[in-house]
Amino acid sequence: MANIYGKKNIRVNTVAPGSIPTEITTEKYVNPLVPKALEEKLTLSRRGKPKEIVEAVLFLALDSASYITGQTPVVGLPQTK
């Protein structure tokens, strides 16, 4: 899509969020051991905040990101152990 719409000066990016606590994921993390085990595997040792995803999206919308297109930043990369 970036190649197609770039000719019309339209940038196309996506954001791949890591583990973010939301209403949708609440049931998955009822057991307090589950988020703790996950956090031990995450690069920053914590789950992200919805605000951090919003900030990544807003960054891509800024004029200072005007030459970024066709990218998918991963926000909150899990570490492989």
PDB file of N, CA and C in Angstrom:
ATOM      1  N   MET A   1       0.818  -1.192   0.000  1.00  0.00           N
ATOM      2  CA  MET A   1       0.000   0.000   0.000  1.00  0.00           C
ATOM      3  C   MET A   1       0.862   1.256   0.000  1.00  0.00           C
ATOM      4  N   ALA A   2       1.994   1.203   0.726  1.00  0.00           N
ATOM      5  CA  ALA A   2       2.873   2.372   0.744  1.00  0.00           C
ATOM      6  C   ALA A   2       3.379   2.690  -0.651  1.00  0.00           C
ATOM      7  N   ASN A   3       3.708   1.660  -1.435  1.00  0.00           N
ATOM      8  CA  ASN A   3       4.184   1.880  -2.801  1.00  0.00           C
ATOM      9  C   ASN A   3       3.090   2.464  -3.692  1.00  0.00           C
ATOM     10  N   ILE A   4       1.880   2.005  -3.516  1.00  0.00           N
ATOM     11  CA  ILE A   4       0.760   2.489  -4.341  1.00  0.00           C
ATOM     12  C   ILE A   4       0.388   3.917  -3.985  1.00  0.00           C
ATOM     13  N   TYR A   5       0.177   4.174  -2.682  1.00  0.00           N
ATOM     14  CA  TYR A   5      -0.320   5.485  -2.261  1.00  0.00           C
ATOM     15  C   TYR A   5       0.774   6.530  -2.108  1.00  0.00           C
ATOM     16  N   GLY A   6       2.024   6.091  -2.005  1.00  0.00           N
ATOM     17  CA  GLY A   6       3.124   7.043  -1.918  1.00  0.00           C
ATOM     18  C   GLY A   6       3.182   7.967  -3.120  1.00  0.00           C
ATOM     19  N   LYS A   7       2.786   7.464  -4.280  1.00  0.00           N
ATOM     20  CA  LYS A   7       2.767   8.293  -5.497  1.00  0.00           C
ATOM     21  C   LYS A   7       1.782   9.457  -5.370  1.00  0.00           C
ATOM     22  N   LYS A   8       0.844   9.312  -4.430  1.00  0.00           N
ATOM     23  CA  LYS A   8      -0.144  10.374  -4.180  1.00  0.00           C
ATOM     24  C   LYS A   8       0.198  11.143  -2.904  1.00  0.00           C
ATOM     25  N   ASN A   9       1.442  10.978  -2.442  1.00  0.00           N
ATOM     26  CA  ASN A   9       1.930  11.644  -1.236  1.00  0.00           C
ATOM     27  C   ASN A   9       1.154  11.236   0.022  1.00  0.00           C
ATOM     28  N   ILE A  10       0.714   9.973   0.046  1.00  0.00           N
ATOM     29  CA  ILE A  10       0.023   9.422   1.203  1.00  0.00           C
ATOM     30  C   ILE A  10       0.936   8.376   1.828  1.00  0.00           C
ATOM     31  N   ARG A  11       1.227   8.556   3.112  1.00  0.00           N
ATOM     32  CA  ARG A  11       2.084   7.600   3.816  1.00  0.00           C
ATOM     33  C   ARG A  11       1.228   6.511   4.445  1.00  0.00           C
ATOM     34  N   VAL A  12       1.742   5.296   4.455  1.00  0.00           N
ATOM     35  CA  VAL A  12       1.024   4.153   5.034  1.00  0.00           C
ATOM     36  C   VAL A  12       1.954   3.453   6.011  1.00  0.00           C
ATOM     37  N   ASN A  13       1.581   3.449   7.279  1.00  0.00           N
ATOM     38  CA  ASN A  13       2.334   2.763   8.320  1.00  0.00           C
ATOM     39  C   ASN A  13       1.351   2.032   9.218  1.00  0.00           C
ATOM     40  N   THR A  14       1.842   1.058   9.937  1.00  0.00           N
ATOM     41  CA  THR A  14       1.051   0.384  10.955  1.00  0.00           C
ATOM     42  C   THR A  14       1.866   0.358  12.239  1.00  0.00           C
ATOM     43  N   VAL A  15       1.225   0.038  13.339  1.00  0.00           N
ATOM     44  CA  VAL A  15       1.915  -0.126  14.608  1.00  0.00           C
ATOM     45  C   VAL A  15       1.549  -1.507  15.145  1.00  0.00           C
ATOM     46  N   ALA A  16       2.554  -2.271  15.554  1.00  0.00           N
ATOM     47  CA  ALA A  16       2.325  -3.597  16.127  1.00  0.00           C
ATOM     48  C   ALA A  16       2.518  -3.492  17.640  1.00  0.00           C
ATOM     49  N   PRO A  17       1.419  -3.448  18.385  1.00  0.00           N
ATOM     50  CA  PRO A  17       1.554  -3.303  19.841  1.00  0.00           C
ATOM     51  C   PRO A  17       1.969  -4.600  20.507  1.00  0.00           C
ATOM     52  N   GLY A  18       2.770  -4.470  21.543  1.00  0.00           N
ATOM     53  CA  GLY A  18       3.123  -5.616  22.369  1.00  0.00           C
ATOM     54  C   GLY A  18       1.982  -5.886  23.340  1.00  0.00           C
ATOM     55  N   SER A  19       2.302  -6.403  24.502  1.00  0.00           N
ATOM     56  CA  SER A  19       1.291  -6.734  25.503  1.00  0.00           C
ATOM     57  C   SER A  19       0.805  -5.464  26.190  1.00  0.00           C
ATOM     58  N   ILE A  20      -0.457  -5.135  25.942  1.00  0.00           N
ATOM     59  CA  ILE A  20      -1.059  -3.926  26.502  1.00  0.00           C
ATOM     60  C   ILE A  20      -2.292  -4.325  27.308  1.00  0.00           C
ATOM     61  N   PRO A  21      -2.358  -3.952  28.603  1.00  0.00           N
ATOM     62  CA  PRO A  21      -3.553  -4.258  29.379  1.00  0.00           C
ATOM     63  C   PRO A  21      -4.752  -3.453  28.861  1.00  0.00           C
ATOM     64  N   THR A  22      -5.793  -4.144  28.489  1.00  0.00           N
ATOM     65  CA  THR A  22      -7.028  -3.500  28.032  1.00  0.00           C
ATOM     66  C   THR A  22      -8.215  -4.300  28.567  1.00  0.00           C
ATOM     67  N   GLU A  23      -9.400  -3.787  28.370  1.00  0.00           N
ATOM     68  CA  GLU A  23     -10.602  -4.510  28.786  1.00  0.00           C
ATOM     69  C   GLU A  23     -10.690  -5.862  28.080  1.00  0.00           C
ATOM     70  N   ILE A  24     -10.238  -5.928  26.861  1.00  0.00           N
ATOM     71  CA  ILE A  24     -10.304  -7.164  26.078  1.00  0.00           C
ATOM     72  C   ILE A  24      -9.400  -8.247  26.671  1.00  0.00           C
ATOM     73  N   THR A  25      -8.255  -7.856  27.244  1.00  0.00           N
ATOM     74  CA  THR A  25      -7.304  -8.849  27.755  1.00  0.00           C
ATOM     75  C   THR A  25      -7.441  -9.124  29.254  1.00  0.00           C
ATOM     76  N   THR A  26      -8.376  -8.475  29.926  1.00  0.00           N
ATOM     77  CA  THR A  26      -8.514  -8.609  31.377  1.00  0.00           C
ATOM     78  C   THR A  26      -8.655 -10.062  31.819  1.00  0.00           C
ATOM     79  N   GLU A  27      -9.523 -10.816  31.170  1.00  0.00           N
ATOM     80  CA  GLU A  27      -9.763 -12.209  31.563  1.00  0.00           C
ATOM     81  C   GLU A  27      -8.498 -13.062  31.479  1.00  0.00           C
ATOM     82  N   LYS A  28      -7.665 -12.781  30.507  1.00  0.00           N
ATOM     83  CA  LYS A  28      -6.453 -13.573  30.295  1.00  0.00           C
ATOM     84  C   LYS A  28      -5.474 -13.435  31.461  1.00  0.00           C
ATOM     85  N   TYR A  29      -5.546 -12.307  32.170  1.00  0.00           N
ATOM     86  CA  TYR A  29      -4.574 -12.008  33.211  1.00  0.00           C
ATOM     87  C   TYR A  29      -5.185 -11.976  34.613  1.00  0.00           C
ATOM     88  N   VAL A  30      -6.285 -12.695  34.831  1.00  0.00           N
ATOM     89  CA  VAL A  30      -6.924 -12.744  36.148  1.00  0.00           C
ATOM     90  C   VAL A  30      -5.963 -13.350  37.175  1.00  0.00           C
ATOM     91  N   ASN A  31      -5.302 -14.422  36.799  1.00  0.00           N
ATOM     92  CA  ASN A  31      -4.316 -15.051  37.683  1.00  0.00           C
ATOM     93  C   ASN A  31      -3.083 -14.135  37.724  1.00  0.00           C
ATOM     94  N   PRO A  32      -2.703 -13.610  38.904  1.00  0.00           N
ATOM     95  CA  PRO A  32      -1.579 -12.667  38.983  1.00  0.00           C
ATOM     96  C   PRO A  32      -0.237 -13.257  38.548  1.00  0.00           C
ATOM     97  N   LEU A  33      -0.137 -14.581  38.491  1.00  0.00           N
ATOM     98  CA  LEU A  33       1.112 -15.196  38.048  1.00  0.00           C
ATOM     99  C   LEU A  33       1.315 -15.076  36.536  1.00  0.00           C
ATOM    100  N   VAL A  34       0.215 -14.950  35.805  1.00  0.00           N
ATOM    101  CA  VAL A  34       0.300 -14.870  34.345  1.00  0.00           C
ATOM    102  C   VAL A  34       1.001 -13.586  33.898  1.00  0.00           C
ATOM    103  N   PRO A  35       0.554 -12.385  34.338  1.00  0.00           N
ATOM    104  CA  PRO A  35       1.280 -11.178  33.903  1.00  0.00           C
ATOM    105  C   PRO A  35       2.715 -11.149  34.422  1.00  0.00           C
ATOM    106  N   LYS A  36       2.938 -11.688  35.614  1.00  0.00           N
ATOM    107  CA  LYS A  36       4.303 -11.711  36.160  1.00  0.00           C
ATOM    108  C   LYS A  36       5.216 -12.554  35.272  1.00  0.00           C
ATOM    109  N   ALA A  37       4.750 -13.716  34.850  1.00  0.00           N
ATOM    110  CA  ALA A  37       5.545 -14.582  33.966  1.00  0.00           C
ATOM    111  C   ALA A  37       5.805 -13.900  32.630  1.00  0.00           C
ATOM    112  N   LEU A  38       4.798 -13.209  32.111  1.00  0.00           N
ATOM    113  CA  LEU A  38       4.961 -12.494  30.846  1.00  0.00           C
ATOM    114  C   LEU A  38       5.979 -11.372  30.986  1.00  0.00           C
ATOM    115  N   GLU A  39       5.861 -10.589  32.053  1.00  0.00           N
ATOM    116  CA  GLU A  39       6.760  -9.453  32.251  1.00  0.00           C
ATOM    117  C   GLU A  39       8.217  -9.888  32.352  1.00  0.00           C
ATOM    118  N   GLU A  40       8.462 -11.089  32.863  1.00  0.00           N
ATOM    119  CA  GLU A  40       9.828 -11.594  32.944  1.00  0.00           C
ATOM    120  C   GLU A  40      10.427 -11.835  31.559  1.00  0.00           C
ATOM    121  N   LYS A  41       9.567 -12.023  30.557  1.00  0.00           N
ATOM    122  CA  LYS A  41      10.037 -12.272  29.191  1.00  0.00           C
ATOM    123  C   LYS A  41      10.129 -11.001  28.350  1.00  0.00           C
ATOM    124  N   LEU A  42       9.525  -9.925  28.832  1.00  0.00           N
ATOM    125  CA  LEU A  42       9.501  -8.682  28.052  1.00  0.00           C
ATOM    126  C   LEU A  42      10.811  -7.920  28.201  1.00  0.00           C
ATOM    127  N   THR A  43      11.244  -7.319  27.135  1.00  0.00           N
ATOM    128  CA  THR A  43      12.500  -6.583  27.102  1.00  0.00           C
ATOM    129  C   THR A  43      12.566  -5.516  28.191  1.00  0.00           C
ATOM    130  N   LEU A  44      11.472  -4.787  28.410  1.00  0.00           N
ATOM    131  CA  LEU A  44      11.460  -3.723  29.421  1.00  0.00           C
ATOM    132  C   LEU A  44      10.877  -4.197  30.750  1.00  0.00           C
ATOM    133  N   SER A  45      10.624  -5.496  30.873  1.00  0.00           N
ATOM    134  CA  SER A  45      10.121  -6.113  32.115  1.00  0.00           C
ATOM    135  C   SER A  45       8.809  -5.514  32.607  1.00  0.00           C
ATOM    136  N   ARG A  46       7.993  -5.032  31.696  1.00  0.00           N
ATOM    137  CA  ARG A  46       6.674  -4.517  32.058  1.00  0.00           C
ATOM    138  C   ARG A  46       5.787  -4.536  30.837  1.00  0.00           C
ATOM    139  N   ARG A  47       4.483  -4.560  31.079  1.00  0.00           N
ATOM    140  CA  ARG A  47       3.532  -4.454  29.974  1.00  0.00           C
ATOM    141  C   ARG A  47       3.383  -2.982  29.620  1.00  0.00           C
ATOM    142  N   GLY A  48       3.035  -2.734  28.381  1.00  0.00           N
ATOM    143  CA  GLY A  48       2.890  -1.365  27.923  1.00  0.00           C
ATOM    144  C   GLY A  48       1.591  -0.729  28.385  1.00  0.00           C
ATOM    145  N   LYS A  49       1.482   0.549  28.109  1.00  0.00           N
ATOM    146  CA  LYS A  49       0.276   1.306  28.429  1.00  0.00           C
ATOM    147  C   LYS A  49      -0.386   1.719  27.118  1.00  0.00           C
ATOM    148  N   PRO A  50      -1.722   1.750  27.085  1.00  0.00           N
ATOM    149  CA  PRO A  50      -2.391   2.193  25.855  1.00  0.00           C
ATOM    150  C   PRO A  50      -1.851   3.535  25.356  1.00  0.00           C
ATOM    151  N   LYS A  51      -1.517   4.422  26.283  1.00  0.00           N
ATOM    152  CA  LYS A  51      -0.981   5.740  25.912  1.00  0.00           C
ATOM    153  C   LYS A  51       0.297   5.612  25.075  1.00  0.00           C
ATOM    154  N   GLU A  52       1.093   4.583  25.353  1.00  0.00           N
ATOM    155  CA  GLU A  52       2.343   4.417  24.613  1.00  0.00           C
ATOM    156  C   GLU A  52       2.096   4.011  23.160  1.00  0.00           C
ATOM    157  N   ILE A  53       1.022   3.290  22.917  1.00  0.00           N
ATOM    158  CA  ILE A  53       0.652   2.950  21.542  1.00  0.00           C
ATOM    159  C   ILE A  53       0.156   4.201  20.830  1.00  0.00           C
ATOM    160  N   VAL A  54      -0.668   4.966  21.526  1.00  0.00           N
ATOM    161  CA  VAL A  54      -1.181   6.228  20.968  1.00  0.00           C
ATOM    162  C   VAL A  54      -0.021   7.139  20.594  1.00  0.00           C
ATOM    163  N   GLU A  55       0.978   7.224  21.461  1.00  0.00           N
ATOM    164  CA  GLU A  55       2.121   8.100  21.189  1.00  0.00           C
ATOM    165  C   GLU A  55       2.910   7.644  19.963  1.00  0.00           C
ATOM    166  N   ALA A  56       3.017   6.355  19.747  1.00  0.00           N
ATOM    167  CA  ALA A  56       3.704   5.847  18.546  1.00  0.00           C
ATOM    168  C   ALA A  56       2.927   6.227  17.289  1.00  0.00           C
ATOM    169  N   VAL A  57       1.610   6.095  17.350  1.00  0.00           N
ATOM    170  CA  VAL A  57       0.759   6.457  16.202  1.00  0.00           C
ATOM    171  C   VAL A  57       0.858   7.957  15.935  1.00  0.00           C
ATOM    172  N   LEU A  58       0.796   8.752  17.006  1.00  0.00           N
ATOM    173  CA  LEU A  58       0.893  10.208  16.835  1.00  0.00           C
ATOM    174  C   LEU A  58       2.245  10.603  16.252  1.00  0.00           C
ATOM    175  N   PHE A  59       3.311   9.939  16.683  1.00  0.00           N
ATOM    176  CA  PHE A  59       4.621  10.232  16.119  1.00  0.00           C
ATOM    177  C   PHE A  59       4.614  10.034  14.609  1.00  0.00           C
ATOM    178  N   LEU A  60       4.045   8.921  14.156  1.00  0.00           N
ATOM    179  CA  LEU A  60       4.016   8.644  12.719  1.00  0.00           C
ATOM    180  C   LEU A  60       3.184   9.665  11.946  1.00  0.00           C
ATOM    181  N   ALA A  61       2.285  10.361  12.643  1.00  0.00           N
ATOM    182  CA  ALA A  61       1.453  11.378  11.984  1.00  0.00           C
ATOM    183  C   ALA A  61       2.133  12.751  11.948  1.00  0.00           C
ATOM    184  N   LEU A  62       3.221  12.925  12.665  1.00  0.00           N
ATOM    185  CA  LEU A  62       3.902  14.219  12.728  1.00  0.00           C
ATOM    186  C   LEU A  62       4.618  14.551  11.420  1.00  0.00           C
ATOM    187  N   ASP A  63       4.799  15.840  11.179  1.00  0.00           N
ATOM    188  CA  ASP A  63       5.585  16.273  10.023  1.00  0.00           C
ATOM    189  C   ASP A  63       7.025  15.778  10.114  1.00  0.00           C
ATOM    190  N   SER A  64       7.534  15.631  11.347  1.00  0.00           N
ATOM    191  CA  SER A  64       8.918  15.158  11.507  1.00  0.00           C
ATOM    192  C   SER A  64       9.072  13.697  11.085  1.00  0.00           C
ATOM    193  N   ALA A  65       7.972  12.983  10.883  1.00  0.00           N
ATOM    194  CA  ALA A  65       8.016  11.602  10.389  1.00  0.00           C
ATOM    195  C   ALA A  65       7.549  11.536   8.938  1.00  0.00           C
ATOM    196  N   SER A  66       7.626  12.656   8.236  1.00  0.00           N
ATOM    197  CA  SER A  66       7.054  12.747   6.890  1.00  0.00           C
ATOM    198  C   SER A  66       7.748  11.879   5.835  1.00  0.00           C
ATOM    199  N   TYR A  67       8.917  11.351   6.157  1.00  0.00           N
ATOM    200  CA  TYR A  67       9.602  10.483   5.197  1.00  0.00           C
ATOM    201  C   TYR A  67       9.589   9.031   5.648  1.00  0.00           C
ATOM    202  N   ILE A  68       8.734   8.728   6.607  1.00  0.00           N
ATOM    203  CA  ILE A  68       8.583   7.348   7.082  1.00  0.00           C
ATOM    204  C   ILE A  68       7.310   6.785   6.469  1.00  0.00           C
ATOM    205  N   THR A  69       7.446   5.731   5.701  1.00  0.00           N
ATOM    206  CA  THR A  69       6.291   5.077   5.107  1.00  0.00           C
ATOM    207  C   THR A  69       6.595   3.596   4.897  1.00  0.00           C
ATOM    208  N   GLY A  70       5.564   2.785   4.912  1.00  0.00           N
ATOM    209  CA  GLY A  70       5.729   1.358   4.707  1.00  0.00           C
ATOM    210  C   GLY A  70       6.381   0.651   5.887  1.00  0.00           C
ATOM    211  N   GLN A  71       6.234   1.215   7.078  1.00  0.00           N
ATOM    212  CA  GLN A  71       6.900   0.656   8.247  1.00  0.00           C
ATOM    213  C   GLN A  71       5.890   0.157   9.291  1.00  0.00           C
ATOM    214  N   THR A  72       6.332  -0.800  10.091  1.00  0.00           N
ATOM    215  CA  THR A  72       5.544  -1.313  11.200  1.00  0.00           C
ATOM    216  C   THR A  72       6.412  -1.357  12.457  1.00  0.00           C
ATOM    217  N   PRO A  73       6.466  -0.253  13.201  1.00  0.00           N
ATOM    218  CA  PRO A  73       7.229  -0.307  14.448  1.00  0.00           C
ATOM    219  C   PRO A  73       6.542  -1.226  15.451  1.00  0.00           C
ATOM    220  N   VAL A  74       7.334  -2.045  16.115  1.00  0.00           N
ATOM    221  CA  VAL A  74       6.822  -2.911  17.165  1.00  0.00           C
ATOM    222  C   VAL A  74       7.015  -2.160  18.477  1.00  0.00           C
ATOM    223  N   VAL A  75       5.912  -1.890  19.162  1.00  0.00           N
ATOM    224  CA  VAL A  75       5.963  -1.132  20.409  1.00  0.00           C
ATOM    225  C   VAL A  75       5.825  -2.125  21.565  1.00  0.00           C
ATOM    226  N   GLY A  76       6.922  -2.383  22.249  1.00  0.00           N
ATOM    227  CA  GLY A  76       6.907  -3.348  23.345  1.00  0.00           C
ATOM    228  C   GLY A  76       7.315  -4.727  22.883  1.00  0.00           C
ATOM    229  N   LEU A  77       8.523  -4.866  22.411  1.00  0.00           N
ATOM    230  CA  LEU A  77       9.003  -6.127  21.857  1.00  0.00           C
ATOM    231  C   LEU A  77       9.251  -7.169  22.939  1.00  0.00           C
ATOM    232  N   PRO A  78       8.619  -8.355  22.839  1.00  0.00           N
ATOM    233  CA  PRO A  78       8.934  -9.419  23.793  1.00  0.00           C
ATOM    234  C   PRO A  78      10.324  -9.998  23.536  1.00  0.00           C
ATOM    235  N   GLN A  79      10.979 -10.348  24.598  1.00  0.00           N
ATOM    236  CA  GLN A  79      12.308 -10.931  24.493  1.00  0.00           C
ATOM    237  C   GLN A  79      12.173 -12.455  24.462  1.00  0.00           C
ATOM    238  N   THR A  80      13.009 -13.099  23.692  1.00  0.00           N
ATOM    239  CA  THR A  80      13.007 -14.556  23.634  1.00  0.00           C
ATOM    240  C   THR A  80      14.035 -15.082  24.632  1.00  0.00           C
ATOM    241  N   LYS A  81      13.561 -15.912  25.540  1.00  0.00           N
ATOM    242  CA  LYS A  81      14.488 -16.476  26.536  1.00  0.00           C
ATOM    243  C   LYS A  81      14.552 -17.964  26.372  1.00  0.00           C
TER     244      LYS A  81
END
